[in-house]
Amino acid sequence: MQGHYTGTENQGTYFGYQGQVKYRLQPELQLGAQLFSWLGQLNNWNTNQQQQTSVGPAIFGKTKLGRKEALVYNVAYLWGTTTASPKNTIRMQVEYEF
């Protein structure tokens, strides 16, 4: 869930979900898929044509930088599955663990 507030106006709370599956090829490399979906405001969900859902293949990894430090990353190419979704999306996330 995500809330949007601007100044004194409450734009509502939106509901979405995301998921991923991974297959571990090596400790540093995994293949899988990701799914992201936004259904709309919590008290007024969008119609099926207005909901955004994207799904696609992903690569996950972890690179150690020291005893405790590491970079954890994932990259995905996502296709929109509804008319309101972006047609194609490249998504990347990098985390620094310490």
PDB file of N, CA and C in Angstrom:
ATOM      1  N   MET A   1       0.841  -1.169   0.000  1.00  0.00           N
ATOM      2  CA  MET A   1       0.000   0.000   0.000  1.00  0.00           C
ATOM      3  C   MET A   1       0.888   1.234   0.000  1.00  0.00           C
ATOM      4  N   GLN A   2       0.391   2.277  -0.587  1.00  0.00           N
ATOM      5  CA  GLN A   2       1.148   3.515  -0.702  1.00  0.00           C
ATOM      6  C   GLN A   2       0.181   4.682  -0.586  1.00  0.00           C
ATOM      7  N   GLY A   3       0.507   5.645   0.257  1.00  0.00           N
ATOM      8  CA  GLY A   3      -0.326   6.828   0.422  1.00  0.00           C
ATOM      9  C   GLY A   3       0.274   8.014  -0.305  1.00  0.00           C
ATOM     10  N   HIS A   4      -0.572   8.885  -0.838  1.00  0.00           N
ATOM     11  CA  HIS A   4      -0.121  10.091  -1.536  1.00  0.00           C
ATOM     12  C   HIS A   4      -0.698  11.310  -0.824  1.00  0.00           C
ATOM     13  N   TYR A   5       0.181  12.214  -0.423  1.00  0.00           N
ATOM     14  CA  TYR A   5      -0.235  13.434   0.258  1.00  0.00           C
ATOM     15  C   TYR A   5       0.483  14.622  -0.368  1.00  0.00           C
ATOM     16  N   THR A   6      -0.254  15.663  -0.700  1.00  0.00           N
ATOM     17  CA  THR A   6       0.351  16.891  -1.219  1.00  0.00           C
ATOM     18  C   THR A   6      -0.251  18.057  -0.450  1.00  0.00           C
ATOM     19  N   GLY A   7       0.584  18.773   0.281  1.00  0.00           N
ATOM     20  CA  GLY A   7       0.081  19.894   1.076  1.00  0.00           C
ATOM     21  C   GLY A   7      -0.932  19.409   2.089  1.00  0.00           C
ATOM     22  N   THR A   8      -2.138  19.932   2.010  1.00  0.00           N
ATOM     23  CA  THR A   8      -3.197  19.535   2.943  1.00  0.00           C
ATOM     24  C   THR A   8      -4.150  18.521   2.322  1.00  0.00           C
ATOM     25  N   GLU A   9      -3.908  18.153   1.080  1.00  0.00           N
ATOM     26  CA  GLU A   9      -4.823  17.253   0.372  1.00  0.00           C
ATOM     27  C   GLU A   9      -4.345  15.808   0.457  1.00  0.00           C
ATOM     28  N   ASN A  10      -5.234  14.924   0.854  1.00  0.00           N
ATOM     29  CA  ASN A  10      -4.953  13.493   0.891  1.00  0.00           C
ATOM     30  C   ASN A  10      -5.457  12.891  -0.417  1.00  0.00           C
ATOM     31  N   GLN A  11      -4.548  12.351  -1.224  1.00  0.00           N
ATOM     32  CA  GLN A  11      -4.943  11.787  -2.518  1.00  0.00           C
ATOM     33  C   GLN A  11      -5.306  10.311  -2.419  1.00  0.00           C
ATOM     34  N   GLY A  12      -5.359   9.775  -1.217  1.00  0.00           N
ATOM     35  CA  GLY A  12      -5.810   8.408  -1.036  1.00  0.00           C
ATOM     36  C   GLY A  12      -4.681   7.417  -0.861  1.00  0.00           C
ATOM     37  N   THR A  13      -5.072   6.220  -0.500  1.00  0.00           N
ATOM     38  CA  THR A  13      -4.131   5.116  -0.337  1.00  0.00           C
ATOM     39  C   THR A  13      -4.332   4.151  -1.494  1.00  0.00           C
ATOM     40  N   TYR A  14      -3.243   3.797  -2.148  1.00  0.00           N
ATOM     41  CA  TYR A  14      -3.296   2.926  -3.315  1.00  0.00           C
ATOM     42  C   TYR A  14      -2.805   1.533  -2.954  1.00  0.00           C
ATOM     43  N   PHE A  15      -3.383   0.522  -3.585  1.00  0.00           N
ATOM     44  CA  PHE A  15      -3.016  -0.859  -3.310  1.00  0.00           C
ATOM     45  C   PHE A  15      -2.325  -1.465  -4.527  1.00  0.00           C
ATOM     46  N   GLY A  16      -1.218  -2.110  -4.282  1.00  0.00           N
ATOM     47  CA  GLY A  16      -0.489  -2.811  -5.328  1.00  0.00           C
ATOM     48  C   GLY A  16       0.177  -4.038  -4.740  1.00  0.00           C
ATOM     49  N   TYR A  17       0.689  -4.874  -5.588  1.00  0.00           N
ATOM     50  CA  TYR A  17       1.432  -6.040  -5.119  1.00  0.00           C
ATOM     51  C   TYR A  17       2.568  -6.320  -6.081  1.00  0.00           C
ATOM     52  N   GLN A  18       3.560  -7.039  -5.572  1.00  0.00           N
ATOM     53  CA  GLN A  18       4.684  -7.443  -6.404  1.00  0.00           C
ATOM     54  C   GLN A  18       5.178  -8.792  -5.921  1.00  0.00           C
ATOM     55  N   GLY A  19       5.789  -9.521  -6.839  1.00  0.00           N
ATOM     56  CA  GLY A  19       6.319 -10.830  -6.485  1.00  0.00           C
ATOM     57  C   GLY A  19       7.489 -11.196  -7.374  1.00  0.00           C
ATOM     58  N   GLN A  20       8.244 -12.167  -6.917  1.00  0.00           N
ATOM     59  CA  GLN A  20       9.369 -12.647  -7.718  1.00  0.00           C
ATOM     60  C   GLN A  20       9.658 -14.095  -7.369  1.00  0.00           C
ATOM     61  N   VAL A  21      10.192 -14.803  -8.344  1.00  0.00           N
ATOM     62  CA  VAL A  21      10.690 -16.167  -8.155  1.00  0.00           C
ATOM     63  C   VAL A  21      12.118 -16.196  -8.671  1.00  0.00           C
ATOM     64  N   LYS A  22      12.956 -17.032  -8.020  1.00  0.00           N
ATOM     65  CA  LYS A  22      14.370 -17.101  -8.403  1.00  0.00           C
ATOM     66  C   LYS A  22      14.824 -18.551  -8.433  1.00  0.00           C
ATOM     67  N   TYR A  23      15.758 -18.834  -9.337  1.00  0.00           N
ATOM     68  CA  TYR A  23      16.435 -20.124  -9.390  1.00  0.00           C
ATOM     69  C   TYR A  23      17.926 -19.853  -9.246  1.00  0.00           C
ATOM     70  N   ARG A  24      18.538 -20.446  -8.253  1.00  0.00           N
ATOM     71  CA  ARG A  24      19.946 -20.176  -7.948  1.00  0.00           C
ATOM     72  C   ARG A  24      20.861 -21.016  -8.831  1.00  0.00           C
ATOM     73  N   LEU A  25      21.525 -20.365  -9.772  1.00  0.00           N
ATOM     74  CA  LEU A  25      22.514 -21.034 -10.618  1.00  0.00           C
ATOM     75  C   LEU A  25      23.847 -21.146  -9.886  1.00  0.00           C
ATOM     76  N   GLN A  26      24.249 -20.051  -9.256  1.00  0.00           N
ATOM     77  CA  GLN A  26      25.477 -19.954  -8.468  1.00  0.00           C
ATOM     78  C   GLN A  26      25.164 -19.039  -7.293  1.00  0.00           C
ATOM     79  N   PRO A  27      26.016 -19.014  -6.267  1.00  0.00           N
ATOM     80  CA  PRO A  27      25.747 -18.091  -5.154  1.00  0.00           C
ATOM     81  C   PRO A  27      25.659 -16.633  -5.611  1.00  0.00           C
ATOM     82  N   GLU A  28      26.395 -16.273  -6.666  1.00  0.00           N
ATOM     83  CA  GLU A  28      26.415 -14.888  -7.133  1.00  0.00           C
ATOM     84  C   GLU A  28      25.400 -14.588  -8.226  1.00  0.00           C
ATOM     85  N   LEU A  29      24.723 -15.586  -8.766  1.00  0.00           N
ATOM     86  CA  LEU A  29      23.841 -15.370  -9.918  1.00  0.00           C
ATOM     87  C   LEU A  29      22.596 -16.239  -9.829  1.00  0.00           C
ATOM     88  N   GLN A  30      21.434 -15.587 -10.009  1.00  0.00           N
ATOM     89  CA  GLN A  30      20.161 -16.294 -10.019  1.00  0.00           C
ATOM     90  C   GLN A  30      19.312 -15.772 -11.174  1.00  0.00           C
ATOM     91  N   LEU A  31      18.538 -16.647 -11.761  1.00  0.00           N
ATOM     92  CA  LEU A  31      17.592 -16.271 -12.818  1.00  0.00           C
ATOM     93  C   LEU A  31      16.183 -16.390 -12.263  1.00  0.00           C
ATOM     94  N   GLY A  32      15.273 -15.582 -12.793  1.00  0.00           N
ATOM     95  CA  GLY A  32      13.905 -15.656 -12.302  1.00  0.00           C
ATOM     96  C   GLY A  32      12.970 -14.756 -13.069  1.00  0.00           C
ATOM     97  N   ALA A  33      11.909 -14.348 -12.387  1.00  0.00           N
ATOM     98  CA  ALA A  33      10.890 -13.483 -12.980  1.00  0.00           C
ATOM     99  C   ALA A  33      10.333 -12.556 -11.909  1.00  0.00           C
ATOM    100  N   GLN A  34       9.845 -11.396 -12.354  1.00  0.00           N
ATOM    101  CA  GLN A  34       9.224 -10.435 -11.448  1.00  0.00           C
ATOM    102  C   GLN A  34       7.856 -10.033 -11.980  1.00  0.00           C
ATOM    103  N   LEU A  35       6.974  -9.648 -11.058  1.00  0.00           N
ATOM    104  CA  LEU A  35       5.619  -9.207 -11.378  1.00  0.00           C
ATOM    105  C   LEU A  35       5.307  -7.985 -10.520  1.00  0.00           C
ATOM    106  N   PHE A  36       4.752  -6.941 -11.130  1.00  0.00           N
ATOM    107  CA  PHE A  36       4.344  -5.733 -10.421  1.00  0.00           C
ATOM    108  C   PHE A  36       2.936  -5.365 -10.868  1.00  0.00           C
ATOM    109  N   SER A  37       2.076  -4.965  -9.917  1.00  0.00           N
ATOM    110  CA  SER A  37       0.710  -4.597 -10.271  1.00  0.00           C
ATOM    111  C   SER A  37       0.192  -3.503  -9.337  1.00  0.00           C
ATOM    112  N   TRP A  38      -0.506  -2.521  -9.909  1.00  0.00           N
ATOM    113  CA  TRP A  38      -1.204  -1.484  -9.151  1.00  0.00           C
ATOM    114  C   TRP A  38      -2.688  -1.617  -9.454  1.00  0.00           C
ATOM    115  N   LEU A  39      -3.498  -1.806  -8.406  1.00  0.00           N
ATOM    116  CA  LEU A  39      -4.928  -2.026  -8.586  1.00  0.00           C
ATOM    117  C   LEU A  39      -5.753  -0.755  -8.461  1.00  0.00           C
ATOM    118  N   GLY A  40      -5.188   0.283  -7.855  1.00  0.00           N
ATOM    119  CA  GLY A  40      -5.907   1.536  -7.700  1.00  0.00           C
ATOM    120  C   GLY A  40      -6.083   1.904  -6.242  1.00  0.00           C
ATOM    121  N   GLN A  41      -6.969   2.879  -5.988  1.00  0.00           N
ATOM    122  CA  GLN A  41      -7.208   3.320  -4.617  1.00  0.00           C
ATOM    123  C   GLN A  41      -7.843   2.201  -3.811  1.00  0.00           C
ATOM    124  N   LEU A  42      -7.469   2.151  -2.541  1.00  0.00           N
ATOM    125  CA  LEU A  42      -7.923   1.075  -1.668  1.00  0.00           C
ATOM    126  C   LEU A  42      -9.444   1.015  -1.570  1.00  0.00           C
ATOM    127  N   ASN A  43     -10.097   2.171  -1.541  1.00  0.00           N
ATOM    128  CA  ASN A  43     -11.560   2.194  -1.415  1.00  0.00           C
ATOM    129  C   ASN A  43     -12.277   2.296  -2.763  1.00  0.00           C
ATOM    130  N   ASN A  44     -11.519   2.315  -3.875  1.00  0.00           N
ATOM    131  CA  ASN A  44     -12.138   2.450  -5.194  1.00  0.00           C
ATOM    132  C   ASN A  44     -11.187   1.876  -6.250  1.00  0.00           C
ATOM    133  N   TRP A  45     -11.149   0.553  -6.359  1.00  0.00           N
ATOM    134  CA  TRP A  45     -10.204  -0.087  -7.281  1.00  0.00           C
ATOM    135  C   TRP A  45     -10.527   0.273  -8.724  1.00  0.00           C
ATOM    136  N   ASN A  46      -9.475   0.359  -9.521  1.00  0.00           N
ATOM    137  CA  ASN A  46      -9.636   0.646 -10.945  1.00  0.00           C
ATOM    138  C   ASN A  46     -10.305  -0.526 -11.653  1.00  0.00           C
ATOM    139  N   THR A  47     -10.881  -0.237 -12.819  1.00  0.00           N
ATOM    140  CA  THR A  47     -11.406  -1.319 -13.648  1.00  0.00           C
ATOM    141  C   THR A  47     -10.222  -2.112 -14.207  1.00  0.00           C
ATOM    142  N   ASN A  48     -10.478  -3.264 -14.764  1.00  0.00           N
ATOM    143  CA  ASN A  48      -9.399  -4.087 -15.334  1.00  0.00           C
ATOM    144  C   ASN A  48      -8.602  -3.332 -16.391  1.00  0.00           C
ATOM    145  N   GLN A  49      -9.263  -2.482 -17.174  1.00  0.00           N
ATOM    146  CA  GLN A  49      -8.575  -1.731 -18.219  1.00  0.00           C
ATOM    147  C   GLN A  49      -7.669  -0.634 -17.643  1.00  0.00           C
ATOM    148  N   GLN A  50      -7.922  -0.180 -16.418  1.00  0.00           N
ATOM    149  CA  GLN A  50      -7.134   0.887 -15.800  1.00  0.00           C
ATOM    150  C   GLN A  50      -6.018   0.357 -14.900  1.00  0.00           C
ATOM    151  N   GLN A  51      -6.077  -0.903 -14.517  1.00  0.00           N
ATOM    152  CA  GLN A  51      -5.048  -1.469 -13.646  1.00  0.00           C
ATOM    153  C   GLN A  51      -3.757  -1.681 -14.430  1.00  0.00           C
ATOM    154  N   GLN A  52      -2.626  -1.482 -13.750  1.00  0.00           N
ATOM    155  CA  GLN A  52      -1.324  -1.661 -14.385  1.00  0.00           C
ATOM    156  C   GLN A  52      -0.665  -2.927 -13.850  1.00  0.00           C
ATOM    157  N   THR A  53      -0.300  -3.823 -14.756  1.00  0.00           N
ATOM    158  CA  THR A  53       0.398  -5.051 -14.383  1.00  0.00           C
ATOM    159  C   THR A  53       1.508  -5.298 -15.394  1.00  0.00           C
ATOM    160  N   SER A  54       2.708  -5.587 -14.877  1.00  0.00           N
ATOM    161  CA  SER A  54       3.867  -5.874 -15.727  1.00  0.00           C
ATOM    162  C   SER A  54       4.570  -7.114 -15.197  1.00  0.00           C
ATOM    163  N   VAL A  55       5.078  -7.940 -16.117  1.00  0.00           N
ATOM    164  CA  VAL A  55       5.741  -9.188 -15.745  1.00  0.00           C
ATOM    165  C   VAL A  55       6.867  -9.456 -16.732  1.00  0.00           C
ATOM    166  N   GLY A  56       7.927 -10.138 -16.256  1.00  0.00           N
ATOM    167  CA  GLY A  56       9.015 -10.467 -17.166  1.00  0.00           C
ATOM    168  C   GLY A  56      10.186 -11.143 -16.486  1.00  0.00           C
ATOM    169  N   PRO A  57      11.184 -11.532 -17.288  1.00  0.00           N
ATOM    170  CA  PRO A  57      12.360 -12.232 -16.766  1.00  0.00           C
ATOM    171  C   PRO A  57      13.270 -11.282 -15.983  1.00  0.00           C
ATOM    172  N   ALA A  58      14.027 -11.860 -15.043  1.00  0.00           N
ATOM    173  CA  ALA A  58      14.910 -11.047 -14.203  1.00  0.00           C
ATOM    174  C   ALA A  58      16.202 -11.794 -13.906  1.00  0.00           C
ATOM    175  N   ILE A  59      17.245 -11.022 -13.625  1.00  0.00           N
ATOM    176  CA  ILE A  59      18.541 -11.552 -13.189  1.00  0.00           C
ATOM    177  C   ILE A  59      18.819 -10.962 -11.814  1.00  0.00           C
ATOM    178  N   PHE A  60      19.224 -11.805 -10.877  1.00  0.00           N
ATOM    179  CA  PHE A  60      19.521 -11.391  -9.512  1.00  0.00           C
ATOM    180  C   PHE A  60      20.964 -11.751  -9.199  1.00  0.00           C
ATOM    181  N   GLY A  61      21.611 -10.957  -8.355  1.00  0.00           N
ATOM    182  CA  GLY A  61      22.983 -11.278  -7.995  1.00  0.00           C
ATOM    183  C   GLY A  61      23.432 -10.600  -6.724  1.00  0.00           C
ATOM    184  N   LYS A  62      24.572 -11.074  -6.228  1.00  0.00           N
ATOM    185  CA  LYS A  62      25.185 -10.508  -5.029  1.00  0.00           C
ATOM    186  C   LYS A  62      26.688 -10.581  -5.194  1.00  0.00           C
ATOM    187  N   THR A  63      27.357  -9.437  -5.038  1.00  0.00           N
ATOM    188  CA  THR A  63      28.806  -9.362  -5.151  1.00  0.00           C
ATOM    189  C   THR A  63      29.372  -8.913  -3.812  1.00  0.00           C
ATOM    190  N   LYS A  64      30.215  -9.743  -3.217  1.00  0.00           N
ATOM    191  CA  LYS A  64      30.827  -9.388  -1.933  1.00  0.00           C
ATOM    192  C   LYS A  64      31.907  -8.340  -2.155  1.00  0.00           C
ATOM    193  N   LEU A  65      31.943  -7.344  -1.248  1.00  0.00           N
ATOM    194  CA  LEU A  65      32.924  -6.268  -1.328  1.00  0.00           C
ATOM    195  C   LEU A  65      33.937  -6.330  -0.186  1.00  0.00           C
ATOM    196  N   GLY A  66      33.657  -7.076   0.826  1.00  0.00           N
ATOM    197  CA  GLY A  66      34.518  -7.194   1.998  1.00  0.00           C
ATOM    198  C   GLY A  66      33.978  -8.280   2.907  1.00  0.00           C
ATOM    199  N   ARG A  67      34.372  -8.224   4.187  1.00  0.00           N
ATOM    200  CA  ARG A  67      33.893  -9.248   5.122  1.00  0.00           C
ATOM    201  C   ARG A  67      32.379  -9.242   5.251  1.00  0.00           C
ATOM    202  N   LYS A  68      31.810  -8.054   5.409  1.00  0.00           N
ATOM    203  CA  LYS A  68      30.365  -7.945   5.604  1.00  0.00           C
ATOM    204  C   LYS A  68      29.664  -7.168   4.499  1.00  0.00           C
ATOM    205  N   GLU A  69      30.408  -6.389   3.737  1.00  0.00           N
ATOM    206  CA  GLU A  69      29.796  -5.544   2.713  1.00  0.00           C
ATOM    207  C   GLU A  69      29.522  -6.330   1.432  1.00  0.00           C
ATOM    208  N   ALA A  70      28.444  -5.929   0.744  1.00  0.00           N
ATOM    209  CA  ALA A  70      28.097  -6.560  -0.529  1.00  0.00           C
ATOM    210  C   ALA A  70      27.180  -5.640  -1.324  1.00  0.00           C
ATOM    211  N   LEU A  71      27.188  -5.815  -2.635  1.00  0.00           N
ATOM    212  CA  LEU A  71      26.211  -5.192  -3.521  1.00  0.00           C
ATOM    213  C   LEU A  71      25.219  -6.267  -3.937  1.00  0.00           C
ATOM    214  N   VAL A  72      23.951  -5.997  -3.724  1.00  0.00           N
ATOM    215  CA  VAL A  72      22.880  -6.907  -4.124  1.00  0.00           C
ATOM    216  C   VAL A  72      22.104  -6.201  -5.232  1.00  0.00           C
ATOM    217  N   TYR A  73      21.858  -6.893  -6.336  1.00  0.00           N
ATOM    218  CA  TYR A  73      21.210  -6.228  -7.469  1.00  0.00           C
ATOM    219  C   TYR A  73      20.191  -7.148  -8.130  1.00  0.00           C
ATOM    220  N   ASN A  74      19.282  -6.522  -8.870  1.00  0.00           N
ATOM    221  CA  ASN A  74      18.392  -7.265  -9.763  1.00  0.00           C
ATOM    222  C   ASN A  74      18.038  -6.366 -10.934  1.00  0.00           C
ATOM    223  N   VAL A  75      17.895  -6.980 -12.091  1.00  0.00           N
ATOM    224  CA  VAL A  75      17.551  -6.296 -13.336  1.00  0.00           C
ATOM    225  C   VAL A  75      16.450  -7.106 -14.002  1.00  0.00           C
ATOM    226  N   ALA A  76      15.416  -6.417 -14.485  1.00  0.00           N
ATOM    227  CA  ALA A  76      14.305  -7.124 -15.123  1.00  0.00           C
ATOM    228  C   ALA A  76      13.845  -6.379 -16.373  1.00  0.00           C
ATOM    229  N   TYR A  77      13.367  -7.138 -17.350  1.00  0.00           N
ATOM    230  CA  TYR A  77      12.709  -6.584 -18.533  1.00  0.00           C
ATOM    231  C   TYR A  77      11.244  -6.983 -18.422  1.00  0.00           C
ATOM    232  N   LEU A  78      10.368  -5.994 -18.270  1.00  0.00           N
ATOM    233  CA  LEU A  78       8.958  -6.263 -17.984  1.00  0.00           C
ATOM    234  C   LEU A  78       8.064  -5.854 -19.152  1.00  0.00           C
ATOM    235  N   TRP A  79       7.061  -6.685 -19.421  1.00  0.00           N
ATOM    236  CA  TRP A  79       6.047  -6.397 -20.435  1.00  0.00           C
ATOM    237  C   TRP A  79       4.744  -6.039 -19.738  1.00  0.00           C
ATOM    238  N   GLY A  80       4.060  -5.026 -20.263  1.00  0.00           N
ATOM    239  CA  GLY A  80       2.747  -4.675 -19.741  1.00  0.00           C
ATOM    240  C   GLY A  80       1.718  -5.694 -20.186  1.00  0.00           C
ATOM    241  N   THR A  81       0.850  -6.094 -19.257  1.00  0.00           N
ATOM    242  CA  THR A  81      -0.163  -7.103 -19.589  1.00  0.00           C
ATOM    243  C   THR A  81      -1.569  -6.515 -19.661  1.00  0.00           C
ATOM    244  N   THR A  82      -1.706  -5.217 -19.383  1.00  0.00           N
ATOM    245  CA  THR A  82      -2.998  -4.544 -19.504  1.00  0.00           C
ATOM    246  C   THR A  82      -2.820  -3.306 -20.382  1.00  0.00           C
ATOM    247  N   THR A  83      -3.914  -2.751 -20.861  1.00  0.00           N
ATOM    248  CA  THR A  83      -3.820  -1.589 -21.743  1.00  0.00           C
ATOM    249  C   THR A  83      -3.284  -0.356 -21.018  1.00  0.00           C
ATOM    250  N   ALA A  84      -3.463  -0.257 -19.712  1.00  0.00           N
ATOM    251  CA  ALA A  84      -2.980   0.896 -18.948  1.00  0.00           C
ATOM    252  C   ALA A  84      -1.509   0.773 -18.562  1.00  0.00           C
ATOM    253  N   SER A  85      -0.936  -0.400 -18.709  1.00  0.00           N
ATOM    254  CA  SER A  85       0.460  -0.632 -18.312  1.00  0.00           C
ATOM    255  C   SER A  85       1.425  -0.097 -19.360  1.00  0.00           C
ATOM    256  N   PRO A  86       2.625   0.323 -18.919  1.00  0.00           N
ATOM    257  CA  PRO A  86       3.659   0.642 -19.910  1.00  0.00           C
ATOM    258  C   PRO A  86       3.938  -0.593 -20.761  1.00  0.00           C
ATOM    259  N   LYS A  87       4.142  -0.394 -22.052  1.00  0.00           N
ATOM    260  CA  LYS A  87       4.339  -1.527 -22.961  1.00  0.00           C
ATOM    261  C   LYS A  87       5.595  -2.328 -22.606  1.00  0.00           C
ATOM    262  N   ASN A  88       6.712  -1.645 -22.365  1.00  0.00           N
ATOM    263  CA  ASN A  88       7.982  -2.281 -22.005  1.00  0.00           C
ATOM    264  C   ASN A  88       8.650  -1.454 -20.911  1.00  0.00           C
ATOM    265  N   THR A  89       9.267  -2.129 -19.948  1.00  0.00           N
ATOM    266  CA  THR A  89       9.955  -1.453 -18.854  1.00  0.00           C
ATOM    267  C   THR A  89      11.243  -2.196 -18.537  1.00  0.00           C
ATOM    268  N   ILE A  90      12.318  -1.445 -18.343  1.00  0.00           N
ATOM    269  CA  ILE A  90      13.551  -2.023 -17.813  1.00  0.00           C
ATOM    270  C   ILE A  90      13.662  -1.526 -16.379  1.00  0.00           C
ATOM    271  N   ARG A  91      13.763  -2.455 -15.442  1.00  0.00           N
ATOM    272  CA  ARG A  91      13.804  -2.120 -14.022  1.00  0.00           C
ATOM    273  C   ARG A  91      15.112  -2.611 -13.433  1.00  0.00           C
ATOM    274  N   MET A  92      15.757  -1.753 -12.615  1.00  0.00           N
ATOM    275  CA  MET A  92      17.012  -2.139 -11.979  1.00  0.00           C
ATOM    276  C   MET A  92      17.012  -1.652 -10.539  1.00  0.00           C
ATOM    277  N   GLN A  93      17.516  -2.482  -9.643  1.00  0.00           N
ATOM    278  CA  GLN A  93      17.618  -2.124  -8.232  1.00  0.00           C
ATOM    279  C   GLN A  93      18.982  -2.566  -7.722  1.00  0.00           C
ATOM    280  N   VAL A  94      19.671  -1.678  -6.986  1.00  0.00           N
ATOM    281  CA  VAL A  94      20.976  -1.989  -6.399  1.00  0.00           C
ATOM    282  C   VAL A  94      20.924  -1.619  -4.923  1.00  0.00           C
ATOM    283  N   GLU A  95      21.395  -2.520  -4.065  1.00  0.00           N
ATOM    284  CA  GLU A  95      21.451  -2.273  -2.627  1.00  0.00           C
ATOM    285  C   GLU A  95      22.882  -2.460  -2.138  1.00  0.00           C
ATOM    286  N   TYR A  96      23.295  -1.613  -1.210  1.00  0.00           N
ATOM    287  CA  TYR A  96      24.604  -1.744  -0.571  1.00  0.00           C
ATOM    288  C   TYR A  96      24.371  -2.278   0.832  1.00  0.00           C
ATOM    289  N   GLU A  97      24.863  -3.467   1.105  1.00  0.00           N
ATOM    290  CA  GLU A  97      24.724  -4.076   2.425  1.00  0.00           C
ATOM    291  C   GLU A  97      26.004  -3.869   3.211  1.00  0.00           C
ATOM    292  N   PHE A  98      25.855  -3.505   4.478  1.00  0.00           N
ATOM    293  CA  PHE A  98      27.037  -3.327   5.328  1.00  0.00           C
ATOM    294  C   PHE A  98      26.746  -3.772   6.736  1.00  0.00           C
TER     295      PHE A  98
END
